[in-house]
Amino acid sequence: MIIIRPITLDDFDALHQIAIDSGNGFTSFPDDRLVLKERIEHSLRSFDVKITEPGQQGYLFVMQDTSNSEVVGTSGIEASVGVKTPLYHHRIEQCVHNSEHLKLRKEHQTLTLCTDLAASTEICSLYLKGSHRVNGNGRALSRFRFMFMAAHKQRFSAKIMAEMRGYGDEHNQSPFWSWFEQHFCNISFSLSNHCIGIGDMRFASELMPKHPLYTSLMSKSARDAINQVHPDTLPALALLEKEGFKSGDYIGVNDAGPAVICPLEKIRTVMFSETKRVKISTVENNQKKYIACNHKLSGFRAAQINLVLTIEYVLITAEVALALNVIDGDWLTMVEN
């Protein structure tokens, strides 16, 4: 069975390998053993702490194949970003230059460095090995987070945001950043990614333009990269758009990938999920697959399963109950996948 659970220190080697395999355009996991160990420890502290409102917590999960104990993917949630340390984006705006007496009008697109998305909850760190990008695993690894947040609303913001990986060429370089590197920030794309990955965005406040930047002054390749995603990210973007997330106003500072936003209560998975008490029973296989999540914190589990819904209960087998860490009478939230 494929399950999703909170990360532990025993997963360190698997996480480090994912950091290597995902490449330098994936800012969530820099190839830095100390940073990765701190990410795991921070996640463990976040699950254990009792809180009434979102703060600096970061929740990191792994997808695991229980048949061989292999960690095949990761998924994360940052409870409130950009509060302790600034989180920068470029805000996309339109301005108009108009001359009445010459009867001329010209629209311009501009980019302005901003911290508008501070205090949002960010879903992040989504990675799934190619061998397991089948059978709805990718959808489950993304969507379960919305049910986790809905079950623990006091821990998260009402506004949910995701930063999508921006377009990169065959050498894993960003044409958007190449232009900025030439004109403003003389640091490599990989170094800018590393800084973002460890939460240090001082380079943005220190070296980026302080005034709106006209995109017409940029190279065509840099301009064309605005709001575009890396080919590997297209499925993730399509899934979030289906959930109700919208893009258009904000992009990443170094790769111009879109930041997509949706209120938690308007996310499709949250709107269409059901919550019922568990009853362990015999369940026949059916064609419908459900993502099911318990309501625990450090004991959290999620999986794609077969189940039967009655008016009062969700019927699951003893094997599934063990995998989901639930007993008779526990609450389970589920949605079709």
Protein backbone atom coordinates (compact mmCIF):
# COMPACT_ATOMS: atom_id res chain seq x y z
CA MET A 1 0.00 0.00 0.00
CA ILE A 2 1.06 3.59 -0.62
CA ILE A 3 0.67 5.78 2.46
CA ILE A 4 1.43 9.40 3.37
CA ARG A 5 2.79 10.21 6.82
CA PRO A 6 4.84 12.88 8.65
CA ILE A 7 8.56 12.74 7.95
CA THR A 8 10.96 11.36 10.58
CA LEU A 9 14.72 11.50 11.05
CA ASP A 10 14.89 7.96 9.67
CA ASP A 11 13.91 9.46 6.29
CA PHE A 12 16.98 11.70 6.09
CA ASP A 13 18.89 9.68 3.48
CA ALA A 14 15.80 9.41 1.29
CA LEU A 15 15.20 13.16 1.55
CA HIS A 16 18.82 13.90 0.67
CA GLN A 17 18.54 11.71 -2.43
CA ILE A 18 15.38 13.56 -3.46
CA ALA A 19 17.25 16.86 -3.05
CA ILE A 20 19.88 15.54 -5.47
CA ASP A 21 17.43 14.03 -7.96
CA SER A 22 15.13 17.08 -8.11
CA GLY A 23 17.83 19.45 -9.42
CA ASN A 24 18.79 23.01 -8.51
CA GLY A 25 15.58 24.54 -9.85
CA PHE A 26 13.63 22.89 -7.02
CA THR A 27 14.17 25.36 -4.19
CA SER A 28 12.36 23.32 -1.50
CA PHE A 29 15.28 20.96 -0.93
CA PRO A 30 18.78 22.39 -1.43
CA ASP A 31 21.55 19.80 -1.55
CA ASP A 32 22.69 20.77 1.94
CA ARG A 33 22.67 18.08 4.61
CA LEU A 34 22.48 20.53 7.53
CA VAL A 35 19.53 22.39 5.99
CA LEU A 36 17.69 19.14 5.25
CA LYS A 37 18.22 17.84 8.79
CA GLU A 38 16.86 21.11 10.19
CA ARG A 39 13.83 20.85 7.88
CA ILE A 40 13.03 17.45 9.35
CA GLU A 41 13.58 18.57 12.94
CA HIS A 42 11.50 21.70 12.38
CA SER A 43 8.68 19.56 11.02
CA LEU A 44 8.80 17.27 14.05
CA ARG A 45 8.56 20.29 16.37
CA SER A 46 5.67 21.71 14.33
CA PHE A 47 3.57 18.57 14.67
CA ASP A 48 4.16 18.42 18.43
CA VAL A 49 3.44 22.04 19.38
CA LYS A 50 -0.01 23.11 20.58
CA ILE A 51 -1.13 26.33 18.89
CA THR A 52 -4.25 28.41 18.32
CA GLU A 53 -3.10 30.37 15.26
CA PRO A 54 -0.57 29.85 12.45
CA GLY A 55 3.04 30.76 13.08
CA GLN A 56 6.45 29.57 11.94
CA GLN A 57 5.43 25.92 11.70
CA GLY A 58 6.40 23.80 8.72
CA TYR A 59 4.86 20.39 8.13
CA LEU A 60 6.74 17.92 5.94
CA PHE A 61 5.28 14.61 4.79
CA VAL A 62 6.58 11.62 2.84
CA MET A 63 4.83 9.15 0.58
CA GLN A 64 5.96 5.61 1.33
CA ASP A 65 5.48 2.28 -0.41
CA THR A 66 4.81 -0.08 2.49
CA SER A 67 5.67 -3.14 0.39
CA ASN A 68 9.37 -2.26 0.58
CA SER A 69 9.41 0.82 2.91
CA GLU A 70 10.75 3.01 0.07
CA VAL A 71 10.11 6.75 0.35
CA VAL A 72 8.85 7.74 -3.09
CA GLY A 73 7.73 11.34 -2.62
CA THR A 74 7.43 14.41 -0.42
CA SER A 75 4.86 17.09 0.24
CA GLY A 76 4.84 20.05 2.61
CA ILE A 77 2.92 22.92 4.16
CA GLU A 78 4.37 26.16 5.56
CA ALA A 79 1.83 27.58 8.00
CA SER A 80 2.58 31.31 7.63
CA VAL A 81 5.27 32.45 5.21
CA GLY A 82 7.14 35.74 5.05
CA VAL A 83 6.50 36.86 8.62
CA LYS A 84 9.78 36.24 10.43
CA THR A 85 11.89 36.65 7.28
CA PRO A 86 10.56 38.47 4.20
CA LEU A 87 9.17 36.48 1.27
CA TYR A 88 9.53 38.41 -1.96
CA HIS A 89 7.68 38.15 -5.25
CA HIS A 90 7.34 40.30 -8.33
CA ARG A 91 3.86 41.82 -8.60
CA ILE A 92 2.69 42.06 -12.22
CA GLU A 93 0.88 45.30 -13.01
CA GLN A 94 -0.26 47.27 -16.02
CA CYS A 95 0.27 51.00 -16.41
CA VAL A 96 -0.92 53.33 -19.14
CA HIS A 97 0.91 56.29 -20.67
CA ASN A 98 -1.54 58.56 -22.39
CA SER A 99 -1.14 61.75 -24.43
CA GLU A 100 -4.40 63.54 -25.12
CA HIS A 101 -3.02 66.16 -27.47
CA LEU A 102 -1.07 63.59 -29.52
CA LYS A 103 -3.88 61.05 -29.25
CA LEU A 104 -1.42 58.35 -28.25
CA ARG A 105 -1.92 55.65 -25.68
CA LYS A 106 0.53 52.96 -24.65
CA GLU A 107 0.07 50.15 -22.11
CA HIS A 108 3.07 48.75 -20.28
CA GLN A 109 3.55 45.70 -18.10
CA THR A 110 5.67 46.28 -15.00
CA LEU A 111 7.21 44.13 -12.28
CA THR A 112 7.39 45.47 -8.72
CA LEU A 113 9.19 43.72 -5.88
CA CYS A 114 6.73 43.13 -3.03
CA THR A 115 5.89 41.13 0.08
CA ASP A 116 2.13 41.03 -0.57
CA LEU A 117 1.78 37.30 0.10
CA ALA A 118 3.18 37.46 3.64
CA ALA A 119 1.18 35.46 6.23
CA SER A 120 -0.28 33.14 3.59
CA THR A 121 -0.10 29.40 4.08
CA GLU A 122 2.11 27.87 1.40
CA ILE A 123 1.84 24.36 0.03
CA CYS A 124 5.28 23.30 -1.12
CA SER A 125 7.92 20.59 -1.45
CA LEU A 126 5.84 18.40 -3.78
CA TYR A 127 8.04 15.76 -5.38
CA LEU A 128 7.20 12.27 -6.64
CA LYS A 129 9.63 9.78 -8.14
CA GLY A 130 9.00 9.00 -11.78
CA SER A 131 8.47 5.31 -10.99
CA HIS A 132 5.39 6.18 -8.92
CA ARG A 133 3.74 8.81 -11.11
CA VAL A 134 0.87 6.41 -11.76
CA ASN A 135 -2.49 5.40 -10.30
CA GLY A 136 -3.35 8.86 -9.00
CA ASN A 137 -0.39 9.01 -6.60
CA GLY A 138 0.50 12.54 -7.69
CA ARG A 139 -3.03 13.80 -7.12
CA ALA A 140 -3.14 12.17 -3.70
CA LEU A 141 0.24 13.62 -2.71
CA SER A 142 -1.04 17.11 -3.49
CA ARG A 143 -4.69 16.94 -2.43
CA PHE A 144 -4.35 15.32 1.00
CA ARG A 145 -2.84 18.58 2.30
CA PHE A 146 -6.13 20.40 1.84
CA MET A 147 -7.96 17.87 4.02
CA PHE A 148 -5.20 18.04 6.63
CA MET A 149 -5.55 21.84 6.73
CA ALA A 150 -9.35 21.67 6.89
CA ALA A 151 -9.11 19.31 9.87
CA HIS A 152 -6.70 21.65 11.71
CA LYS A 153 -7.86 25.11 10.58
CA GLN A 154 -6.39 26.91 13.59
CA ARG A 155 -2.91 26.03 12.32
CA PHE A 156 -3.26 27.65 8.90
CA SER A 157 -4.16 30.88 7.13
CA ALA A 158 -7.43 31.29 5.26
CA LYS A 159 -5.39 32.09 2.12
CA ILE A 160 -3.45 29.23 0.55
CA MET A 161 -0.60 29.87 -1.89
CA ALA A 162 1.73 27.75 -4.01
CA GLU A 163 4.86 28.84 -5.86
CA MET A 164 5.23 26.96 -9.11
CA ARG A 165 8.67 26.14 -10.49
CA GLY A 166 9.43 28.50 -13.37
CA TYR A 167 10.54 27.68 -16.88
CA GLY A 168 14.10 26.44 -17.35
CA ASP A 169 16.03 25.52 -20.47
CA GLU A 170 17.72 22.19 -21.29
CA HIS A 171 20.62 23.19 -19.04
CA ASN A 172 18.27 23.89 -16.10
CA GLN A 173 18.92 27.62 -16.37
CA SER A 174 16.28 30.34 -16.21
CA PRO A 175 16.27 32.88 -19.08
CA PHE A 176 14.45 35.25 -16.73
CA TRP A 177 17.22 35.05 -14.16
CA SER A 178 19.94 35.26 -16.82
CA TRP A 179 18.70 38.76 -17.65
CA PHE A 180 18.52 39.78 -13.97
CA GLU A 181 21.96 38.32 -13.34
CA GLN A 182 23.40 40.42 -16.16
CA HIS A 183 21.77 43.69 -15.13
CA PHE A 184 21.11 43.59 -11.37
CA CYS A 185 22.08 40.48 -9.39
CA ASN A 186 25.46 39.09 -10.29
CA ILE A 187 24.91 35.71 -8.66
CA SER A 188 24.24 32.39 -10.36
CA PHE A 189 20.80 30.86 -10.75
CA SER A 190 21.84 27.93 -8.56
CA LEU A 191 23.02 30.27 -5.80
CA SER A 192 19.78 32.26 -5.92
CA ASN A 193 17.87 28.98 -5.63
CA HIS A 194 19.99 27.94 -2.67
CA CYS A 195 19.32 31.26 -0.91
CA ILE A 196 15.58 30.89 -1.46
CA GLY A 197 15.72 27.27 -0.31
CA ILE A 198 17.28 28.18 3.04
CA GLY A 199 14.91 31.13 3.51
CA ASP A 200 17.47 33.89 2.92
CA MET A 201 16.10 36.35 0.36
CA ARG A 202 18.25 39.33 1.29
CA PHE A 203 19.65 39.36 -2.24
CA ALA A 204 16.19 40.38 -3.48
CA SER A 205 15.84 43.38 -1.18
CA GLU A 206 19.47 44.43 -1.64
CA LEU A 207 19.97 43.98 -5.39
CA MET A 208 16.57 43.98 -7.11
CA PRO A 209 15.16 47.20 -8.63
CA LYS A 210 13.43 49.39 -6.06
CA HIS A 211 11.00 50.83 -8.60
CA PRO A 212 8.61 49.23 -11.11
CA LEU A 213 10.52 47.56 -13.94
CA TYR A 214 9.11 47.84 -17.46
CA THR A 215 9.17 44.35 -18.96
CA SER A 216 9.51 45.87 -22.44
CA LEU A 217 13.11 46.67 -21.44
CA MET A 218 13.88 43.01 -20.81
CA SER A 219 15.13 40.50 -23.36
CA LYS A 220 12.45 38.58 -25.24
CA SER A 221 13.52 35.27 -23.68
CA ALA A 222 13.25 36.73 -20.18
CA ARG A 223 9.88 38.32 -20.96
CA ASP A 224 8.53 35.10 -22.46
CA ALA A 225 9.38 33.20 -19.26
CA ILE A 226 7.06 35.33 -17.10
CA ASN A 227 4.27 33.19 -15.59
CA GLN A 228 5.54 30.06 -17.38
CA VAL A 229 6.24 26.81 -15.53
CA HIS A 230 8.87 24.13 -15.86
CA PRO A 231 7.61 21.22 -18.04
CA ASP A 232 7.79 18.87 -15.04
CA THR A 233 5.50 21.25 -13.13
CA LEU A 234 2.67 21.37 -15.69
CA PRO A 235 0.71 18.47 -14.12
CA ALA A 236 0.94 20.06 -10.65
CA LEU A 237 -0.26 23.40 -12.01
CA ALA A 238 -3.17 21.77 -13.84
CA LEU A 239 -4.22 19.98 -10.66
CA LEU A 240 -4.16 23.18 -8.59
CA GLU A 241 -6.12 25.07 -11.24
CA LYS A 242 -8.74 22.32 -11.13
CA GLU A 243 -8.87 22.82 -7.36
CA GLY A 244 -9.68 26.51 -7.86
CA PHE A 245 -6.24 28.13 -7.62
CA LYS A 246 -5.65 31.14 -9.85
CA SER A 247 -2.47 32.79 -11.11
CA GLY A 248 -1.62 36.00 -12.89
CA ASP A 249 -0.60 38.66 -10.36
CA TYR A 250 2.60 37.33 -8.73
CA ILE A 251 5.71 35.49 -9.92
CA GLY A 252 8.87 34.12 -8.32
CA VAL A 253 11.76 36.54 -8.01
CA ASN A 254 14.33 34.38 -9.75
CA ASP A 255 12.51 32.07 -12.18
CA ALA A 256 9.26 34.00 -12.87
CA GLY A 257 7.13 30.95 -12.11
CA PRO A 258 3.54 31.82 -11.14
CA ALA A 259 2.31 32.00 -7.56
CA VAL A 260 -1.21 30.56 -7.46
CA ILE A 261 -3.71 31.42 -4.72
CA CYS A 262 -7.06 30.17 -3.39
CA PRO A 263 -9.02 30.61 -0.13
CA LEU A 264 -8.97 27.35 1.86
CA GLU A 265 -12.76 27.15 2.03
CA LYS A 266 -13.03 27.49 -1.77
CA ILE A 267 -10.63 24.65 -2.60
CA ARG A 268 -12.53 21.91 -4.42
CA THR A 269 -11.16 19.07 -2.29
CA VAL A 270 -12.29 20.84 0.89
CA MET A 271 -15.72 21.62 -0.54
CA PHE A 272 -16.42 18.07 -1.73
CA SER A 273 -14.80 15.97 1.01
CA GLU A 274 -16.85 14.09 3.61
CA THR A 275 -16.08 13.27 7.24
CA LYS A 276 -17.50 10.18 8.95
CA ARG A 277 -16.70 7.82 11.80
CA VAL A 278 -14.80 4.61 11.08
CA LYS A 279 -16.36 1.16 11.23
CA ILE A 280 -14.04 -1.75 10.50
CA SER A 281 -15.78 -4.24 8.25
CA THR A 282 -15.47 -6.36 5.13
CA VAL A 283 -15.27 -4.13 2.06
CA GLU A 284 -15.54 -5.27 -1.53
CA ASN A 285 -13.28 -3.62 -4.10
CA ASN A 286 -15.00 -1.03 -6.25
CA GLN A 287 -13.99 1.16 -9.14
CA LYS A 288 -13.85 4.35 -7.11
CA LYS A 289 -10.65 5.31 -5.32
CA TYR A 290 -10.77 7.67 -2.35
CA ILE A 291 -8.09 9.70 -0.63
CA ALA A 292 -8.71 9.17 3.08
CA CYS A 293 -7.04 10.99 5.99
CA ASN A 294 -7.26 10.61 9.74
CA HIS A 295 -7.48 13.68 11.99
CA LYS A 296 -4.27 13.18 13.98
CA LEU A 297 -1.10 15.27 13.98
CA SER A 298 2.13 13.33 14.57
CA GLY A 299 0.08 10.17 14.03
CA PHE A 300 -1.36 11.47 10.76
CA ARG A 301 -1.86 9.03 7.89
CA ALA A 302 -3.40 9.31 4.43
CA ALA A 303 -3.82 6.78 1.62
CA GLN A 304 -5.78 5.94 -1.51
CA ILE A 305 -8.23 3.21 -0.56
CA ASN A 306 -11.44 1.37 -1.37
CA LEU A 307 -14.23 2.07 1.10
CA VAL A 308 -17.98 2.02 1.54
CA LEU A 309 -19.96 5.04 2.75
CA THR A 310 -23.14 4.73 4.78
CA ILE A 311 -25.24 7.50 6.29
CA GLU A 312 -23.24 7.43 9.53
CA TYR A 313 -20.02 5.54 8.86
CA VAL A 314 -17.14 4.89 6.51
CA LEU A 315 -16.53 1.15 6.24
CA ILE A 316 -12.90 0.05 5.84
CA THR A 317 -11.01 -3.21 6.28
CA ALA A 318 -8.78 -3.99 9.25
CA GLU A 319 -5.73 -3.78 6.97
CA VAL A 320 -6.69 -0.29 5.81
CA ALA A 321 -7.48 0.80 9.38
CA LEU A 322 -3.97 -0.25 10.44
CA ALA A 323 -2.40 1.66 7.55
CA LEU A 324 -4.45 4.77 8.36
CA ASN A 325 -3.74 4.50 12.10
CA VAL A 326 -7.43 4.48 13.08
CA ILE A 327 -9.78 2.29 15.12
CA ASP A 328 -13.56 1.99 15.29
CA GLY A 329 -15.12 5.36 16.08
CA ASP A 330 -12.25 7.54 14.86
CA TRP A 331 -12.94 10.29 12.33
CA LEU A 332 -11.88 9.90 8.72
CA THR A 333 -12.13 12.51 5.96
CA MET A 334 -12.30 11.31 2.36
CA VAL A 335 -12.77 12.51 -1.19
CA GLU A 336 -12.87 10.74 -4.54
CA ASN A 337 -9.57 10.77 -6.39
